[in-house]
Each structure stands twice: as C-alpha cells, then as structure tokens.
Amino acid sequence: MDQKMNSKILYTAKTHVTGGREHGVARSSDGRLDVRLGVPGTARIGTNPEQLFAAGWSACFESAIGLIVQKRKIALSGDVTIDAEVDLNLSDTDGYSLTARLNVGIPGVERDVAQSLIDEAHQICPYSKATRGNIDVTIKLV
C-alpha cells in the first residue's frame, strides 16, 4: 500500500460493482449506495461513472471551502453551490479521457475573497489533488 508517512486512514469506501457501465450495479459495503449503472445517453435507467465522479468531487470541494470559511471565520449569506460537468472524451491518439469544469457560487463575500476560497479549496480537496496534472480542469467563480 502506497500511503504517505505519518498519515492516518480516516475512512475507506468499499463498493462492489458488477456489469460495468453497460448494465451494471454498484453497491457499497454499508448498503447506503445501491445504484444501477448505464451508458450516458441510453434509455437504461441508471447513473454513470461520470455523474458519480462529478457528485463526489463537488461534495468534497464544497466541504473544503467550508473548512476554509470556518478557519478564516468568514460569514456567508447562503449556501455554496457547485455545478460540475465531467466530460467523457475519446480521441484517436489517447483513447478515453476525462475533462472537468466546476462552476462555484459563493454568496455574501467579495469576488476576490470568493476566488481565494476557491483557489485554496483546490489545493486541499482530495479530488482536486487526485486530478491535478492528470485531466484538464477548469474551476470558475460564478
């Protein structure tokens, strides 16, 4: 296991997937996640890995902003919102790849403060760390 020195595992997500994206099912070990999977754009009822990734990253990124807001003692006038878009791409040279956009709304603070919150969150969010240098990402304050 490649784990950083002096780090402690806080949580391990465990899922079991059968059938892949074409006709699959994904279930978590605790039973809280139980979803059908489907290929984007088909009539099959179910979500797809790109939607799951977008939801997970958005939730994590929003929590990172929340930690920074709390640390800096900043009062927001409403909820932070994130509209995530994750593209599944296919190219002749590289095969399949992802690109992503996070459109972040932070109410009740000056634009420069909101941008600094986004920039700092992008540095500490585990999903941002995992994707940095691996996929094209655009994060925009809206």
Protein backbone atom coordinates (compact mmCIF):
# COMPACT_ATOMS: atom_id res chain seq x y z
CA MET A 1 0.00 0.00 0.00
CA ASP A 2 1.42 3.37 -1.01
CA GLN A 3 0.45 5.63 1.90
CA LYS A 4 2.17 8.85 2.92
CA MET A 5 4.27 8.66 6.05
CA ASN A 6 2.58 9.97 9.20
CA SER A 7 -0.88 9.83 7.64
CA LYS A 8 -3.85 8.03 9.10
CA ILE A 9 -6.70 6.47 7.13
CA LEU A 10 -9.88 8.27 8.16
CA TYR A 11 -12.31 6.27 6.05
CA THR A 12 -12.28 3.58 3.39
CA ALA A 13 -15.12 3.43 0.88
CA LYS A 14 -15.86 -0.11 -0.19
CA THR A 15 -18.01 -0.85 -3.23
CA HIS A 16 -18.80 -3.88 -5.33
CA VAL A 17 -19.62 -3.38 -9.00
CA THR A 18 -20.85 -5.94 -11.49
CA GLY A 19 -21.75 -5.42 -15.12
CA GLY A 20 -19.70 -2.26 -15.69
CA ARG A 21 -21.24 0.86 -17.15
CA GLU A 22 -23.25 -1.03 -19.77
CA HIS A 23 -25.62 -2.91 -17.47
CA GLY A 24 -24.06 -2.73 -14.03
CA VAL A 25 -24.95 -2.29 -10.43
CA ALA A 26 -22.81 -0.58 -7.79
CA ARG A 27 -23.32 -1.25 -4.11
CA SER A 28 -21.41 -0.03 -1.09
CA SER A 29 -20.49 -2.37 1.74
CA ASP A 30 -22.68 -0.42 4.17
CA GLY A 31 -25.73 -0.53 1.86
CA ARG A 32 -26.05 3.25 1.58
CA LEU A 33 -25.17 3.25 -2.10
CA ASP A 34 -27.12 0.93 -4.37
CA VAL A 35 -27.35 2.25 -7.92
CA ARG A 36 -27.88 0.91 -11.39
CA LEU A 37 -25.30 1.94 -13.94
CA GLY A 38 -25.83 2.83 -17.57
CA VAL A 39 -24.03 4.25 -20.55
CA PRO A 40 -24.54 8.02 -20.96
CA GLY A 41 -27.23 8.83 -23.49
CA THR A 42 -29.00 5.47 -23.39
CA ALA A 43 -32.53 4.74 -22.24
CA ARG A 44 -31.34 2.41 -19.47
CA ILE A 45 -32.31 3.64 -16.03
CA GLY A 46 -29.20 4.35 -14.01
CA THR A 47 -26.39 6.75 -13.42
CA ASN A 48 -22.92 6.61 -14.93
CA PRO A 49 -19.40 6.88 -13.52
CA GLU A 50 -19.01 10.46 -14.77
CA GLN A 51 -22.10 11.60 -12.83
CA LEU A 52 -20.86 9.82 -9.71
CA PHE A 53 -17.44 11.43 -10.07
CA ALA A 54 -18.99 14.89 -10.59
CA ALA A 55 -21.16 14.48 -7.49
CA GLY A 56 -18.31 13.20 -5.34
CA TRP A 57 -15.88 15.90 -6.40
CA SER A 58 -18.48 18.66 -5.92
CA ALA A 59 -19.33 17.46 -2.42
CA CYS A 60 -15.68 17.19 -1.46
CA PHE A 61 -14.82 20.60 -2.96
CA GLU A 62 -17.71 22.25 -1.16
CA SER A 63 -16.57 20.71 2.13
CA ALA A 64 -13.05 22.05 1.51
CA ILE A 65 -14.50 25.54 1.05
CA GLY A 66 -16.48 25.06 4.27
CA LEU A 67 -13.32 24.18 6.21
CA ILE A 68 -11.57 27.29 4.94
CA VAL A 69 -14.57 29.52 5.67
CA GLN A 70 -14.68 28.16 9.21
CA LYS A 71 -10.92 28.57 9.69
CA ARG A 72 -11.00 32.17 8.42
CA LYS A 73 -14.23 32.93 10.32
CA ILE A 74 -15.96 34.20 7.18
CA ALA A 75 -19.75 34.61 7.20
CA LEU A 76 -21.54 33.61 4.02
CA SER A 77 -25.05 34.82 3.22
CA GLY A 78 -26.19 31.44 1.84
CA ASP A 79 -25.09 28.03 0.68
CA VAL A 80 -22.10 27.44 -1.55
CA THR A 81 -23.23 25.91 -4.86
CA ILE A 82 -21.24 23.85 -7.31
CA ASP A 83 -22.36 22.85 -10.77
CA ALA A 84 -19.95 20.19 -12.01
CA GLU A 85 -19.53 18.99 -15.56
CA VAL A 86 -17.42 15.92 -16.29
CA ASP A 87 -16.85 15.06 -19.95
CA LEU A 88 -16.00 11.59 -21.20
CA ASN A 89 -13.81 12.13 -24.26
CA LEU A 90 -12.47 9.83 -26.95
CA SER A 91 -9.54 10.75 -29.17
CA ASP A 92 -7.71 8.84 -31.87
CA THR A 93 -4.36 9.30 -30.11
CA ASP A 94 -5.11 8.99 -26.38
CA GLY A 95 -8.26 6.88 -26.23
CA TYR A 96 -10.69 7.69 -23.43
CA SER A 97 -10.10 10.61 -21.07
CA LEU A 98 -11.95 12.99 -18.80
CA THR A 99 -12.19 16.77 -18.64
CA ALA A 100 -13.98 18.67 -15.90
CA ARG A 101 -15.43 22.04 -15.02
CA LEU A 102 -16.55 23.20 -11.60
CA ASN A 103 -18.70 26.34 -11.55
CA VAL A 104 -18.70 27.59 -7.97
CA GLY A 105 -21.04 30.11 -6.38
CA ILE A 106 -20.10 31.63 -3.03
CA PRO A 107 -22.70 34.12 -1.75
CA GLY A 108 -22.11 37.05 0.53
CA VAL A 109 -18.40 37.74 0.06
CA GLU A 110 -16.41 39.98 -2.24
CA ARG A 111 -15.37 38.41 -5.51
CA ASP A 112 -11.65 38.41 -4.62
CA VAL A 113 -12.38 36.67 -1.30
CA ALA A 114 -14.54 34.09 -3.06
CA GLN A 115 -11.79 33.45 -5.61
CA SER A 116 -9.23 32.99 -2.84
CA LEU A 117 -11.54 30.45 -1.18
CA ILE A 118 -11.80 28.53 -4.46
CA ASP A 119 -8.04 28.64 -5.02
CA GLU A 120 -7.30 27.36 -1.53
CA ALA A 121 -10.00 24.68 -1.72
CA HIS A 122 -8.47 23.43 -4.98
CA GLN A 123 -5.18 22.95 -3.11
CA ILE A 124 -6.65 20.92 -0.23
CA CYS A 125 -9.55 18.99 -1.80
CA PRO A 126 -8.52 15.32 -2.22
CA TYR A 127 -10.32 15.06 -5.58
CA SER A 128 -8.50 18.15 -6.85
CA LYS A 129 -5.22 16.65 -5.70
CA ALA A 130 -6.02 13.36 -7.44
CA THR A 131 -6.86 15.02 -10.75
CA ARG A 132 -4.13 17.68 -10.75
CA GLY A 133 -1.90 17.15 -13.75
CA ASN A 134 -3.98 14.18 -14.91
CA ILE A 135 -7.04 15.77 -16.57
CA ASP A 136 -7.93 19.22 -17.86
CA VAL A 137 -9.84 21.05 -15.11
CA THR A 138 -11.46 24.48 -15.14
CA ILE A 139 -12.77 25.96 -11.91
CA LYS A 140 -14.77 29.13 -12.32
CA LEU A 141 -16.39 31.50 -9.86
CA VAL A 142 -19.94 32.21 -10.99
